[in-house]
Amino acid sequence: MFLFQFSQNEELKQKLFNTYPKTLVYTDPKDTVWGIGLNQHDKRARNKQTWRGQNRLGEILTRVRDKLMESFLEPANPDETENPDAPEN
């Protein structure tokens, strides 16, 4: 669902891409499954080791972003990539 939503909406996709390469975090002090169980202003929210929650939503969105970005990070035509060890013609 998320992959489809972000791939169909250029504005949302660009906002998602702008977060690269950070891990996305859902900050909600009451949600320890989908969020990190902390408020965004809590200093512990900056350190994954001190999170109280699993951050499932943040991890899903991070994977969606990385999947969508694959086409931008890979060469358009792998045969045309430069190889410094290849003999010159």
Protein backbone atom coordinates (compact mmCIF):
# COMPACT_ATOMS: atom_id res chain seq x y z
CA MET A 1 0.00 0.00 0.00
CA PHE A 2 2.70 2.52 0.95
CA LEU A 3 4.78 1.68 -2.12
CA PHE A 4 1.82 2.37 -4.40
CA GLN A 5 0.87 5.58 -2.59
CA PHE A 6 4.34 7.10 -2.77
CA SER A 7 5.02 5.94 -6.33
CA GLN A 8 1.80 7.58 -7.60
CA ASN A 9 2.22 10.96 -5.87
CA GLU A 10 5.29 12.92 -6.99
CA GLU A 11 5.06 15.46 -4.17
CA LEU A 12 4.93 12.75 -1.49
CA LYS A 13 7.67 10.79 -3.22
CA GLN A 14 9.96 13.84 -3.29
CA LYS A 15 9.34 14.50 0.40
CA LEU A 16 10.19 10.89 1.14
CA PHE A 17 13.35 11.06 -1.01
CA ASN A 18 14.46 14.19 0.85
CA THR A 19 14.82 12.10 4.02
CA TYR A 20 17.56 9.93 2.46
CA PRO A 21 19.75 8.40 3.97
CA LYS A 22 18.18 8.76 7.42
CA THR A 23 16.05 6.13 9.13
CA LEU A 24 12.52 7.44 9.44
CA VAL A 25 11.05 7.54 12.94
CA TYR A 26 7.45 7.68 14.08
CA THR A 27 7.45 9.55 17.38
CA ASP A 28 4.46 8.81 19.56
CA PRO A 29 4.89 8.45 23.31
CA LYS A 30 1.89 6.11 23.53
CA ASP A 31 2.76 3.81 20.61
CA THR A 32 5.52 1.29 21.25
CA VAL A 33 4.70 -0.94 18.29
CA TRP A 34 4.39 1.39 15.29
CA GLY A 35 6.35 4.21 16.95
CA ILE A 36 9.34 4.61 19.23
CA GLY A 37 7.31 5.25 22.38
CA LEU A 38 8.81 8.71 22.81
CA ASN A 39 7.86 12.30 22.01
CA GLN A 40 9.81 13.99 19.20
CA HIS A 41 11.28 16.48 21.70
CA ASP A 42 12.55 13.77 24.04
CA LYS A 43 16.36 13.60 23.81
CA ARG A 44 16.18 9.80 23.84
CA ALA A 45 14.40 9.91 20.45
CA ARG A 46 17.73 10.74 18.76
CA ASN A 47 19.36 7.47 19.85
CA LYS A 48 17.92 4.17 18.61
CA GLN A 49 19.36 2.42 21.67
CA THR A 50 17.10 4.46 23.97
CA TRP A 51 13.83 4.01 22.06
CA ARG A 52 11.03 2.37 24.02
CA GLY A 53 9.22 1.14 20.90
CA GLN A 54 9.79 -0.90 17.74
CA ASN A 55 9.30 1.89 15.15
CA ARG A 56 7.59 -0.47 12.69
CA LEU A 57 6.02 2.40 10.73
CA GLY A 58 9.34 4.20 10.42
CA GLU A 59 11.09 1.04 9.26
CA ILE A 60 8.40 0.34 6.65
CA LEU A 61 8.60 3.87 5.28
CA THR A 62 12.39 3.72 5.20
CA ARG A 63 12.25 0.48 3.17
CA VAL A 64 9.63 1.96 0.82
CA ARG A 65 11.85 5.00 0.24
CA ASP A 66 14.90 2.86 -0.43
CA LYS A 67 12.95 0.63 -2.83
CA LEU A 68 11.62 3.62 -4.77
CA MET A 69 15.10 5.16 -4.91
CA GLU A 70 16.71 2.04 -6.42
CA SER A 71 16.01 3.25 -9.95
CA PHE A 72 17.73 6.57 -9.19
CA LEU A 73 20.78 4.99 -7.56
CA GLU A 74 21.49 2.36 -10.23
CA PRO A 75 23.03 3.19 -13.61
CA ALA A 76 20.46 3.48 -16.40
CA ASN A 77 22.43 1.01 -18.53
CA PRO A 78 24.94 -1.14 -16.63
CA ASP A 79 26.85 -1.84 -19.87
CA GLU A 80 27.67 1.86 -20.17
CA THR A 81 29.31 2.25 -16.76
CA GLU A 82 32.93 3.25 -16.80
CA ASN A 83 35.47 0.59 -15.98
CA PRO A 84 38.96 2.00 -15.32
CA ASP A 85 40.50 -1.45 -15.96
CA ALA A 86 38.90 -1.90 -19.39
CA PRO A 87 41.18 -1.47 -22.41
CA GLU A 88 40.62 1.66 -24.48
CA ASN A 89 39.36 1.30 -28.06
